[in-house]
PDB file of N, CA and C in Angstrom:
ATOM      1  N   UNK A   1       0.845  -1.174   0.000  1.00  0.00           N
ATOM      2  CA  UNK A   1       0.000   0.000   0.000  1.00  0.00           C
ATOM      3  C   UNK A   1       0.885   1.231   0.000  1.00  0.00           C
ATOM      4  N   UNK A   2       0.415   2.221  -0.720  1.00  0.00           N
ATOM      5  CA  UNK A   2       1.163   3.472  -0.806  1.00  0.00           C
ATOM      6  C   UNK A   2       0.258   4.626  -0.395  1.00  0.00           C
ATOM      7  N   UNK A   3       0.871   5.698   0.048  1.00  0.00           N
ATOM      8  CA  UNK A   3       0.109   6.888   0.422  1.00  0.00           C
ATOM      9  C   UNK A   3      -0.369   7.598  -0.839  1.00  0.00           C
ATOM     10  N   UNK A   4      -1.554   8.162  -0.766  1.00  0.00           N
ATOM     11  CA  UNK A   4      -2.116   8.856  -1.921  1.00  0.00           C
ATOM     12  C   UNK A   4      -1.275  10.076  -2.305  1.00  0.00           C
ATOM     13  N   UNK A   5      -0.652  10.702  -1.321  1.00  0.00           N
ATOM     14  CA  UNK A   5       0.151  11.894  -1.596  1.00  0.00           C
ATOM     15  C   UNK A   5       1.367  11.580  -2.462  1.00  0.00           C
ATOM     16  N   UNK A   6       1.907  10.377  -2.352  1.00  0.00           N
ATOM     17  CA  UNK A   6       3.080  10.001  -3.150  1.00  0.00           C
ATOM     18  C   UNK A   6       2.727   9.015  -4.258  1.00  0.00           C
ATOM     19  N   UNK A   7       1.447   8.866  -4.567  1.00  0.00           N
ATOM     20  CA  UNK A   7       1.003   7.843  -5.518  1.00  0.00           C
ATOM     21  C   UNK A   7       1.419   8.144  -6.950  1.00  0.00           C
ATOM     22  N   UNK A   8       1.270   9.376  -7.401  1.00  0.00           N
ATOM     23  CA  UNK A   8       1.530   9.694  -8.814  1.00  0.00           C
ATOM     24  C   UNK A   8       2.975   9.398  -9.211  1.00  0.00           C
ATOM     25  N   UNK A   9       3.984   9.909  -8.487  1.00  0.00           N
ATOM     26  CA  UNK A   9       5.360   9.575  -8.903  1.00  0.00           C
ATOM     27  C   UNK A   9       5.679   8.086  -8.780  1.00  0.00           C
ATOM     28  N   UNK A  10       5.131   7.426  -7.766  1.00  0.00           N
ATOM     29  CA  UNK A  10       5.386   5.997  -7.580  1.00  0.00           C
ATOM     30  C   UNK A  10       4.785   5.192  -8.723  1.00  0.00           C
ATOM     31  N   UNK A  11       3.557   5.493  -9.100  1.00  0.00           N
ATOM     32  CA  UNK A  11       2.888   4.758 -10.171  1.00  0.00           C
ATOM     33  C   UNK A  11       3.574   5.018 -11.510  1.00  0.00           C
ATOM     34  N   UNK A  12       3.957   6.256 -11.776  1.00  0.00           N
ATOM     35  CA  UNK A  12       4.643   6.568 -13.030  1.00  0.00           C
ATOM     36  C   UNK A  12       5.984   5.839 -13.137  1.00  0.00           C
ATOM     37  N   UNK A  13       6.683   5.737 -12.028  1.00  0.00           N
ATOM     38  CA  UNK A  13       7.954   5.012 -12.008  1.00  0.00           C
ATOM     39  C   UNK A  13       7.731   3.527 -12.284  1.00  0.00           C
ATOM     40  N   UNK A  14       6.706   2.957 -11.645  1.00  0.00           N
ATOM     41  CA  UNK A  14       6.400   1.536 -11.864  1.00  0.00           C
ATOM     42  C   UNK A  14       5.939   1.284 -13.297  1.00  0.00           C
ATOM     43  N   UNK A  15       5.148   2.205 -13.859  1.00  0.00           N
ATOM     44  CA  UNK A  15       4.677   2.047 -15.238  1.00  0.00           C
ATOM     45  C   UNK A  15       5.834   2.074 -16.221  1.00  0.00           C
ATOM     46  N   UNK A  16       6.820   2.908 -15.964  1.00  0.00           N
ATOM     47  CA  UNK A  16       7.974   3.004 -16.849  1.00  0.00           C
ATOM     48  C   UNK A  16       8.774   1.708 -16.854  1.00  0.00           C
ATOM     49  N   UNK A  17       8.819   1.009 -15.730  1.00  0.00           N
ATOM     50  CA  UNK A  17       9.583  -0.236 -15.615  1.00  0.00           C
ATOM     51  C   UNK A  17       8.771  -1.470 -16.002  1.00  0.00           C
ATOM     52  N   UNK A  18       7.473  -1.310 -16.241  1.00  0.00           N
ATOM     53  CA  UNK A  18       6.585  -2.433 -16.529  1.00  0.00           C
ATOM     54  C   UNK A  18       6.917  -3.048 -17.899  1.00  0.00           C
ATOM     55  N   UNK A  19       7.119  -4.373 -17.973  1.00  0.00           N
ATOM     56  CA  UNK A  19       7.413  -5.006 -19.266  1.00  0.00           C
ATOM     57  C   UNK A  19       6.190  -4.984 -20.194  1.00  0.00           C
ATOM     58  N   UNK A  20       6.430  -5.141 -21.458  1.00  0.00           N
ATOM     59  CA  UNK A  20       5.382  -5.151 -22.467  1.00  0.00           C
ATOM     60  C   UNK A  20       4.410  -6.303 -22.228  1.00  0.00           C
ATOM     61  N   UNK A  21       3.109  -6.021 -22.224  1.00  0.00           N
ATOM     62  CA  UNK A  21       2.089  -7.045 -22.020  1.00  0.00           C
ATOM     63  C   UNK A  21       1.697  -7.275 -20.574  1.00  0.00           C
ATOM     64  N   UNK A  22       2.382  -6.620 -19.628  1.00  0.00           N
ATOM     65  CA  UNK A  22       2.081  -6.797 -18.216  1.00  0.00           C
ATOM     66  C   UNK A  22       1.118  -5.715 -17.736  1.00  0.00           C
ATOM     67  N   UNK A  23       0.498  -5.969 -16.578  1.00  0.00           N
ATOM     68  CA  UNK A  23      -0.497  -5.052 -16.033  1.00  0.00           C
ATOM     69  C   UNK A  23      -0.119  -4.586 -14.635  1.00  0.00           C
ATOM     70  N   UNK A  24      -0.574  -3.389 -14.313  1.00  0.00           N
ATOM     71  CA  UNK A  24      -0.438  -2.799 -12.981  1.00  0.00           C
ATOM     72  C   UNK A  24      -1.832  -2.332 -12.585  1.00  0.00           C
ATOM     73  N   UNK A  25      -2.222  -2.610 -11.345  1.00  0.00           N
ATOM     74  CA  UNK A  25      -3.566  -2.269 -10.898  1.00  0.00           C
ATOM     75  C   UNK A  25      -3.498  -1.491  -9.598  1.00  0.00           C
ATOM     76  N   UNK A  26      -4.293  -0.430  -9.502  1.00  0.00           N
ATOM     77  CA  UNK A  26      -4.429   0.291  -8.239  1.00  0.00           C
ATOM     78  C   UNK A  26      -5.880   0.148  -7.796  1.00  0.00           C
ATOM     79  N   UNK A  27      -6.055  -0.042  -6.490  1.00  0.00           N
ATOM     80  CA  UNK A  27      -7.386  -0.227  -5.907  1.00  0.00           C
ATOM     81  C   UNK A  27      -7.516   0.627  -4.655  1.00  0.00           C
ATOM     82  N   UNK A  28      -8.763   0.886  -4.278  1.00  0.00           N
ATOM     83  CA  UNK A  28      -9.019   1.580  -3.029  1.00  0.00           C
ATOM     84  C   UNK A  28      -8.707   0.642  -1.868  1.00  0.00           C
ATOM     85  N   UNK A  29      -8.684   1.190  -0.676  1.00  0.00           N
ATOM     86  CA  UNK A  29      -8.427   0.374   0.510  1.00  0.00           C
ATOM     87  C   UNK A  29      -9.485  -0.723   0.648  1.00  0.00           C
ATOM     88  N   UNK A  30     -10.737  -0.396   0.335  1.00  0.00           N
ATOM     89  CA  UNK A  30     -11.834  -1.365   0.444  1.00  0.00           C
ATOM     90  C   UNK A  30     -11.903  -2.309  -0.759  1.00  0.00           C
ATOM     91  N   UNK A  31     -11.095  -2.067  -1.769  1.00  0.00           N
ATOM     92  CA  UNK A  31     -11.006  -2.887  -2.985  1.00  0.00           C
ATOM     93  C   UNK A  31     -12.287  -2.872  -3.816  1.00  0.00           C
ATOM     94  N   UNK A  32     -13.076  -1.813  -3.739  1.00  0.00           N
ATOM     95  CA  UNK A  32     -14.313  -1.786  -4.508  1.00  0.00           C
ATOM     96  C   UNK A  32     -14.201  -0.974  -5.800  1.00  0.00           C
ATOM     97  N   UNK A  33     -13.112  -0.248  -5.983  1.00  0.00           N
ATOM     98  CA  UNK A  33     -12.879   0.505  -7.212  1.00  0.00           C
ATOM     99  C   UNK A  33     -11.444   0.261  -7.652  1.00  0.00           C
ATOM    100  N   UNK A  34     -11.218   0.307  -8.982  1.00  0.00           N
ATOM    101  CA  UNK A  34      -9.870   0.040  -9.476  1.00  0.00           C
ATOM    102  C   UNK A  34      -9.584   0.801 -10.759  1.00  0.00           C
ATOM    103  N   UNK A  35      -8.287   0.947 -11.018  1.00  0.00           N
ATOM    104  CA  UNK A  35      -7.781   1.456 -12.280  1.00  0.00           C
ATOM    105  C   UNK A  35      -6.678   0.490 -12.698  1.00  0.00           C
ATOM    106  N   UNK A  36      -6.787  -0.029 -13.926  1.00  0.00           N
ATOM    107  CA  UNK A  36      -5.856  -1.033 -14.416  1.00  0.00           C
ATOM    108  C   UNK A  36      -5.061  -0.453 -15.583  1.00  0.00           C
ATOM    109  N   UNK A  37      -3.748  -0.619 -15.545  1.00  0.00           N
ATOM    110  CA  UNK A  37      -2.847  -0.138 -16.591  1.00  0.00           C
ATOM    111  C   UNK A  37      -2.249  -1.344 -17.299  1.00  0.00           C
ATOM    112  N   UNK A  38      -2.361  -1.401 -18.619  1.00  0.00           N
ATOM    113  CA  UNK A  38      -1.829  -2.512 -19.406  1.00  0.00           C
ATOM    114  C   UNK A  38      -0.871  -1.937 -20.441  1.00  0.00           C
ATOM    115  N   UNK A  39       0.378  -2.376 -20.410  1.00  0.00           N
ATOM    116  CA  UNK A  39       1.376  -1.853 -21.354  1.00  0.00           C
ATOM    117  C   UNK A  39       1.202  -2.541 -22.702  1.00  0.00           C
ATOM    118  N   UNK A  40       0.934  -1.745 -23.727  1.00  0.00           N
ATOM    119  CA  UNK A  40       0.682  -2.299 -25.057  1.00  0.00           C
ATOM    120  C   UNK A  40       1.767  -1.924 -26.067  1.00  0.00           C
ATOM    121  N   UNK A  41       2.663  -1.028 -25.696  1.00  0.00           N
ATOM    122  CA  UNK A  41       3.732  -0.618 -26.603  1.00  0.00           C
ATOM    123  C   UNK A  41       4.892  -0.047 -25.830  1.00  0.00           C
ATOM    124  N   UNK A  42       5.905   0.383 -26.557  1.00  0.00           N
ATOM    125  CA  UNK A  42       7.097   0.941 -25.916  1.00  0.00           C
ATOM    126  C   UNK A  42       6.756   2.175 -25.078  1.00  0.00           C
ATOM    127  N   UNK A  43       5.870   3.010 -25.596  1.00  0.00           N
ATOM    128  CA  UNK A  43       5.447   4.204 -24.861  1.00  0.00           C
ATOM    129  C   UNK A  43       3.921   4.340 -24.941  1.00  0.00           C
ATOM    130  N   UNK A  44       3.202   3.228 -24.700  1.00  0.00           N
ATOM    131  CA  UNK A  44       1.738   3.252 -24.794  1.00  0.00           C
ATOM    132  C   UNK A  44       1.134   2.293 -23.775  1.00  0.00           C
ATOM    133  N   UNK A  45       0.088   2.776 -23.113  1.00  0.00           N
ATOM    134  CA  UNK A  45      -0.631   1.989 -22.128  1.00  0.00           C
ATOM    135  C   UNK A  45      -2.123   2.104 -22.395  1.00  0.00           C
ATOM    136  N   UNK A  46      -2.858   1.025 -22.118  1.00  0.00           N
ATOM    137  CA  UNK A  46      -4.315   1.082 -22.076  1.00  0.00           C
ATOM    138  C   UNK A  46      -4.688   1.221 -20.607  1.00  0.00           C
ATOM    139  N   UNK A  47      -5.614   2.118 -20.309  1.00  0.00           N
ATOM    140  CA  UNK A  47      -6.022   2.377 -18.932  1.00  0.00           C
ATOM    141  C   UNK A  47      -7.508   2.054 -18.811  1.00  0.00           C
ATOM    142  N   UNK A  48      -7.837   1.139 -17.915  1.00  0.00           N
ATOM    143  CA  UNK A  48      -9.216   0.721 -17.679  1.00  0.00           C
ATOM    144  C   UNK A  48      -9.678   1.285 -16.341  1.00  0.00           C
ATOM    145  N   UNK A  49     -10.704   2.101 -16.372  1.00  0.00           N
ATOM    146  CA  UNK A  49     -11.286   2.688 -15.158  1.00  0.00           C
ATOM    147  C   UNK A  49     -12.515   1.871 -14.805  1.00  0.00           C
ATOM    148  N   UNK A  50     -12.563   1.351 -13.576  1.00  0.00           N
ATOM    149  CA  UNK A  50     -13.681   0.518 -13.132  1.00  0.00           C
ATOM    150  C   UNK A  50     -14.039   0.917 -11.706  1.00  0.00           C
ATOM    151  N   UNK A  51     -14.952   1.853 -11.568  1.00  0.00           N
ATOM    152  CA  UNK A  51     -15.336   2.344 -10.243  1.00  0.00           C
ATOM    153  C   UNK A  51     -16.578   3.183 -10.355  1.00  0.00           C
ATOM    154  N   UNK A  52     -16.488   4.452  -9.945  1.00  0.00           N
ATOM    155  CA  UNK A  52     -17.619   5.365 -10.098  1.00  0.00           C
ATOM    156  C   UNK A  52     -17.972   5.494 -11.575  1.00  0.00           C
ATOM    157  N   UNK A  53     -16.958   5.605 -12.400  1.00  0.00           N
ATOM    158  CA  UNK A  53     -17.139   5.638 -13.850  1.00  0.00           C
ATOM    159  C   UNK A  53     -16.449   4.440 -14.459  1.00  0.00           C
ATOM    160  N   UNK A  54     -16.946   4.012 -15.615  1.00  0.00           N
ATOM    161  CA  UNK A  54     -16.332   2.893 -16.318  1.00  0.00           C
ATOM    162  C   UNK A  54     -15.913   3.404 -17.687  1.00  0.00           C
ATOM    163  N   UNK A  55     -14.603   3.350 -17.951  1.00  0.00           N
ATOM    164  CA  UNK A  55     -14.088   3.897 -19.195  1.00  0.00           C
ATOM    165  C   UNK A  55     -12.812   3.168 -19.579  1.00  0.00           C
ATOM    166  N   UNK A  56     -12.457   3.253 -20.844  1.00  0.00           N
ATOM    167  CA  UNK A  56     -11.229   2.655 -21.347  1.00  0.00           C
ATOM    168  C   UNK A  56     -10.492   3.714 -22.148  1.00  0.00           C
ATOM    169  N   UNK A  57      -9.267   4.012 -21.757  1.00  0.00           N
ATOM    170  CA  UNK A  57      -8.411   4.964 -22.459  1.00  0.00           C
ATOM    171  C   UNK A  57      -7.341   4.147 -23.167  1.00  0.00           C
ATOM    172  N   UNK A  58      -7.247   4.277 -24.492  1.00  0.00           N
ATOM    173  CA  UNK A  58      -6.324   3.443 -25.259  1.00  0.00           C
ATOM    174  C   UNK A  58      -5.124   4.247 -25.741  1.00  0.00           C
ATOM    175  N   UNK A  59      -3.970   3.598 -25.773  1.00  0.00           N
ATOM    176  CA  UNK A  59      -2.711   4.151 -26.286  1.00  0.00           C
ATOM    177  C   UNK A  59      -2.354   5.499 -25.668  1.00  0.00           C
ATOM    178  N   UNK A  60      -2.310   5.529 -24.349  1.00  0.00           N
ATOM    179  CA  UNK A  60      -1.939   6.745 -23.621  1.00  0.00           C
ATOM    180  C   UNK A  60      -0.423   6.772 -23.485  1.00  0.00           C
ATOM    181  N   UNK A  61       0.209   7.862 -23.895  1.00  0.00           N
ATOM    182  CA  UNK A  61       1.655   8.009 -23.792  1.00  0.00           C
ATOM    183  C   UNK A  61       2.038   8.404 -22.362  1.00  0.00           C
ATOM    184  N   UNK A  62       3.281   8.155 -21.996  1.00  0.00           N
ATOM    185  CA  UNK A  62       3.751   8.451 -20.642  1.00  0.00           C
ATOM    186  C   UNK A  62       3.670   9.947 -20.347  1.00  0.00           C
ATOM    187  N   UNK A  63       3.847  10.785 -21.358  1.00  0.00           N
ATOM    188  CA  UNK A  63       3.776  12.231 -21.157  1.00  0.00           C
ATOM    189  C   UNK A  63       2.375  12.681 -20.737  1.00  0.00           C
ATOM    190  N   UNK A  64       1.342  11.985 -21.213  1.00  0.00           N
ATOM    191  CA  UNK A  64      -0.044  12.335 -20.881  1.00  0.00           C
ATOM    192  C   UNK A  64      -0.570  11.542 -19.687  1.00  0.00           C
ATOM    193  N   UNK A  65       0.219  10.575 -19.237  1.00  0.00           N
ATOM    194  CA  UNK A  65      -0.235   9.698 -18.152  1.00  0.00           C
ATOM    195  C   UNK A  65      -0.367  10.446 -16.830  1.00  0.00           C
ATOM    196  N   UNK A  66       0.513  11.392 -16.542  1.00  0.00           N
ATOM    197  CA  UNK A  66       0.461  12.133 -15.271  1.00  0.00           C
ATOM    198  C   UNK A  66      -0.876  12.849 -15.119  1.00  0.00           C
ATOM    199  N   UNK A  67      -1.309  13.558 -16.153  1.00  0.00           N
ATOM    200  CA  UNK A  67      -2.567  14.303 -16.097  1.00  0.00           C
ATOM    201  C   UNK A  67      -3.756  13.354 -15.962  1.00  0.00           C
ATOM    202  N   UNK A  68      -3.758  12.259 -16.737  1.00  0.00           N
ATOM    203  CA  UNK A  68      -4.833  11.278 -16.657  1.00  0.00           C
ATOM    204  C   UNK A  68      -4.872  10.623 -15.282  1.00  0.00           C
ATOM    205  N   UNK A  69      -3.714  10.293 -14.752  1.00  0.00           N
ATOM    206  CA  UNK A  69      -3.622   9.655 -13.440  1.00  0.00           C
ATOM    207  C   UNK A  69      -4.142  10.570 -12.339  1.00  0.00           C
ATOM    208  N   UNK A  70      -3.791  11.840 -12.379  1.00  0.00           N
ATOM    209  CA  UNK A  70      -4.289  12.783 -11.379  1.00  0.00           C
ATOM    210  C   UNK A  70      -5.806  12.923 -11.462  1.00  0.00           C
ATOM    211  N   UNK A  71      -6.353  12.945 -12.661  1.00  0.00           N
ATOM    212  CA  UNK A  71      -7.797  13.033 -12.847  1.00  0.00           C
ATOM    213  C   UNK A  71      -8.487  11.786 -12.309  1.00  0.00           C
ATOM    214  N   UNK A  72      -7.944  10.607 -12.623  1.00  0.00           N
ATOM    215  CA  UNK A  72      -8.552   9.358 -12.155  1.00  0.00           C
ATOM    216  C   UNK A  72      -8.459   9.207 -10.642  1.00  0.00           C
ATOM    217  N   UNK A  73      -7.357   9.635 -10.060  1.00  0.00           N
ATOM    218  CA  UNK A  73      -7.234   9.560  -8.603  1.00  0.00           C
ATOM    219  C   UNK A  73      -8.259  10.458  -7.919  1.00  0.00           C
ATOM    220  N   UNK A  74      -8.490  11.638  -8.481  1.00  0.00           N
ATOM    221  CA  UNK A  74      -9.495  12.547  -7.913  1.00  0.00           C
ATOM    222  C   UNK A  74     -10.893  11.954  -8.017  1.00  0.00           C
ATOM    223  N   UNK A  75     -11.187  11.293  -9.146  1.00  0.00           N
ATOM    224  CA  UNK A  75     -12.514  10.712  -9.370  1.00  0.00           C
ATOM    225  C   UNK A  75     -12.750   9.444  -8.560  1.00  0.00           C
ATOM    226  N   UNK A  76     -11.822   8.505  -8.659  1.00  0.00           N
ATOM    227  CA  UNK A  76     -12.027   7.170  -8.101  1.00  0.00           C
ATOM    228  C   UNK A  76     -11.616   7.032  -6.635  1.00  0.00           C
ATOM    229  N   UNK A  77     -10.697   7.865  -6.171  1.00  0.00           N
ATOM    230  CA  UNK A  77     -10.193   7.754  -4.805  1.00  0.00           C
ATOM    231  C   UNK A  77     -10.342   9.088  -4.068  1.00  0.00           C
ATOM    232  N   UNK A  78     -11.555   9.655  -3.987  1.00  0.00           N
ATOM    233  CA  UNK A  78     -11.687  11.008  -3.436  1.00  0.00           C
ATOM    234  C   UNK A  78     -11.341  11.138  -1.960  1.00  0.00           C
ATOM    235  N   UNK A  79     -11.665  10.137  -1.151  1.00  0.00           N
ATOM    236  CA  UNK A  79     -11.403  10.239   0.289  1.00  0.00           C
ATOM    237  C   UNK A  79     -10.349   9.263   0.774  1.00  0.00           C
ATOM    238  N   UNK A  80      -9.747   8.531  -0.137  1.00  0.00           N
ATOM    239  CA  UNK A  80      -8.736   7.547   0.246  1.00  0.00           C
ATOM    240  C   UNK A  80      -7.448   8.229   0.676  1.00  0.00           C
ATOM    241  N   UNK A  81      -6.794   7.633   1.646  1.00  0.00           N
ATOM    242  CA  UNK A  81      -5.457   8.088   2.039  1.00  0.00           C
ATOM    243  C   UNK A  81      -4.413   7.048   1.668  1.00  0.00           C
ATOM    244  N   UNK A  82      -4.831   5.792   1.533  1.00  0.00           N
ATOM    245  CA  UNK A  82      -3.947   4.695   1.136  1.00  0.00           C
ATOM    246  C   UNK A  82      -4.502   4.048  -0.127  1.00  0.00           C
ATOM    247  N   UNK A  83      -3.590   3.640  -1.002  1.00  0.00           N
ATOM    248  CA  UNK A  83      -3.968   3.005  -2.257  1.00  0.00           C
ATOM    249  C   UNK A  83      -3.225   1.677  -2.362  1.00  0.00           C
ATOM    250  N   UNK A  84      -3.943   0.659  -2.744  1.00  0.00           N
ATOM    251  CA  UNK A  84      -3.332  -0.652  -2.960  1.00  0.00           C
ATOM    252  C   UNK A  84      -2.757  -0.699  -4.368  1.00  0.00           C
ATOM    253  N   UNK A  85      -1.551  -1.223  -4.497  1.00  0.00           N
ATOM    254  CA  UNK A  85      -0.858  -1.283  -5.780  1.00  0.00           C
ATOM    255  C   UNK A  85      -0.466  -2.734  -6.037  1.00  0.00           C
ATOM    256  N   UNK A  86      -0.926  -3.292  -7.160  1.00  0.00           N
ATOM    257  CA  UNK A  86      -0.651  -4.682  -7.502  1.00  0.00           C
ATOM    258  C   UNK A  86       0.015  -4.747  -8.867  1.00  0.00           C
ATOM    259  N   UNK A  87       1.082  -5.528  -8.979  1.00  0.00           N
ATOM    260  CA  UNK A  87       1.687  -5.841 -10.268  1.00  0.00           C
ATOM    261  C   UNK A  87       1.150  -7.211 -10.648  1.00  0.00           C
ATOM    262  N   UNK A  88       0.377  -7.281 -11.738  1.00  0.00           N
ATOM    263  CA  UNK A  88      -0.343  -8.503 -12.077  1.00  0.00           C
ATOM    264  C   UNK A  88       0.409  -9.433 -13.019  1.00  0.00           C
ATOM    265  N   UNK A  89       1.475  -8.956 -13.634  1.00  0.00           N
ATOM    266  CA  UNK A  89       2.191  -9.790 -14.585  1.00  0.00           C
ATOM    267  C   UNK A  89       1.483  -9.775 -15.933  1.00  0.00           C
ATOM    268  N   UNK A  90       1.731 -10.778 -16.786  1.00  0.00           N
ATOM    269  CA  UNK A  90       1.084 -10.799 -18.099  1.00  0.00           C
ATOM    270  C   UNK A  90      -0.428 -10.961 -17.945  1.00  0.00           C
ATOM    271  N   UNK A  91      -1.184 -10.119 -18.620  1.00  0.00           N
ATOM    272  CA  UNK A  91      -2.639 -10.216 -18.524  1.00  0.00           C
ATOM    273  C   UNK A  91      -3.285  -9.613 -19.758  1.00  0.00           C
ATOM    274  N   UNK A  92      -4.564  -9.883 -19.917  1.00  0.00           N
ATOM    275  CA  UNK A  92      -5.359  -9.312 -21.001  1.00  0.00           C
ATOM    276  C   UNK A  92      -6.598  -8.677 -20.375  1.00  0.00           C
ATOM    277  N   UNK A  93      -6.559  -7.389 -20.090  1.00  0.00           N
ATOM    278  CA  UNK A  93      -7.672  -6.750 -19.402  1.00  0.00           C
ATOM    279  C   UNK A  93      -8.951  -6.697 -20.228  1.00  0.00           C
ATOM    280  N   UNK A  94      -8.829  -6.770 -21.549  1.00  0.00           N
ATOM    281  CA  UNK A  94     -10.025  -6.702 -22.390  1.00  0.00           C
ATOM    282  C   UNK A  94     -10.795  -8.016 -22.389  1.00  0.00           C
ATOM    283  N   UNK A  95     -10.167  -9.110 -21.963  1.00  0.00           N
ATOM    284  CA  UNK A  95     -10.833 -10.410 -21.951  1.00  0.00           C
ATOM    285  C   UNK A  95     -11.953 -10.461 -20.928  1.00  0.00           C
ATOM    286  N   UNK A  96     -11.752  -9.840 -19.760  1.00  0.00           N
ATOM    287  CA  UNK A  96     -12.798  -9.858 -18.732  1.00  0.00           C
ATOM    288  C   UNK A  96     -13.103  -8.439 -18.264  1.00  0.00           C
ATOM    289  N   UNK A  97     -13.154  -7.531 -19.210  1.00  0.00           N
ATOM    290  CA  UNK A  97     -13.416  -6.133 -18.904  1.00  0.00           C
ATOM    291  C   UNK A  97     -14.850  -5.926 -18.447  1.00  0.00           C
ATOM    292  N   UNK A  98     -15.075  -5.122 -17.403  1.00  0.00           N
ATOM    293  CA  UNK A  98     -16.441  -4.849 -16.968  1.00  0.00           C
ATOM    294  C   UNK A  98     -17.224  -4.067 -18.019  1.00  0.00           C
ATOM    295  N   UNK A  99     -16.518  -3.424 -18.949  1.00  0.00           N
ATOM    296  CA  UNK A  99     -17.196  -2.678 -20.012  1.00  0.00           C
ATOM    297  C   UNK A  99     -17.826  -3.623 -21.028  1.00  0.00           C
ATOM    298  N   UNK A 100     -17.330  -4.848 -21.096  1.00  0.00           N
ATOM    299  CA  UNK A 100     -17.823  -5.795 -22.088  1.00  0.00           C
ATOM    300  C   UNK A 100     -18.726  -6.864 -21.487  1.00  0.00           C
ATOM    301  N   UNK A 101     -18.944  -6.838 -20.191  1.00  0.00           N
ATOM    302  CA  UNK A 101     -19.796  -7.829 -19.552  1.00  0.00           C
ATOM    303  C   UNK A 101     -21.240  -7.661 -20.011  1.00  0.00           C
ATOM    304  N   UNK A 102     -21.889  -8.761 -20.228  1.00  0.00           N
ATOM    305  CA  UNK A 102     -23.286  -8.743 -20.644  1.00  0.00           C
ATOM    306  C   UNK A 102     -24.177  -9.060 -19.442  1.00  0.00           C
ATOM    307  N   UNK A 103     -25.240  -8.323 -19.307  1.00  0.00           N
ATOM    308  CA  UNK A 103     -26.198  -8.568 -18.229  1.00  0.00           C
ATOM    309  C   UNK A 103     -27.259  -9.505 -18.781  1.00  0.00           C
ATOM    310  N   UNK A 104     -27.468 -10.633 -18.096  1.00  0.00           N
ATOM    311  CA  UNK A 104     -28.466 -11.621 -18.556  1.00  0.00           C
ATOM    312  C   UNK A 104     -29.825 -11.355 -17.959  1.00  0.00           C
TER     313      UNK A 104
END
């Protein structure tokens, strides 16, 4: 777990070191909201927002990631002081994306 005040530089550092095809996930303390980062290129990430809002941002460059990350932290973690950070390894977030789930 990391403090919200130091989350942006920590997450950006981890994203830069993340291998191609691997995922990084941040969650609230209660684990009910999440933001998932999937590295798809040398300088490109797909960002899946799954919480108050559900959205998918594709091919986000590292230069634009800071602004997007600050916006998502304000939206998804408004009262959090601690954030859970998970390195998931190789994954395919689009395979079980909440945006693609069908309601029966």
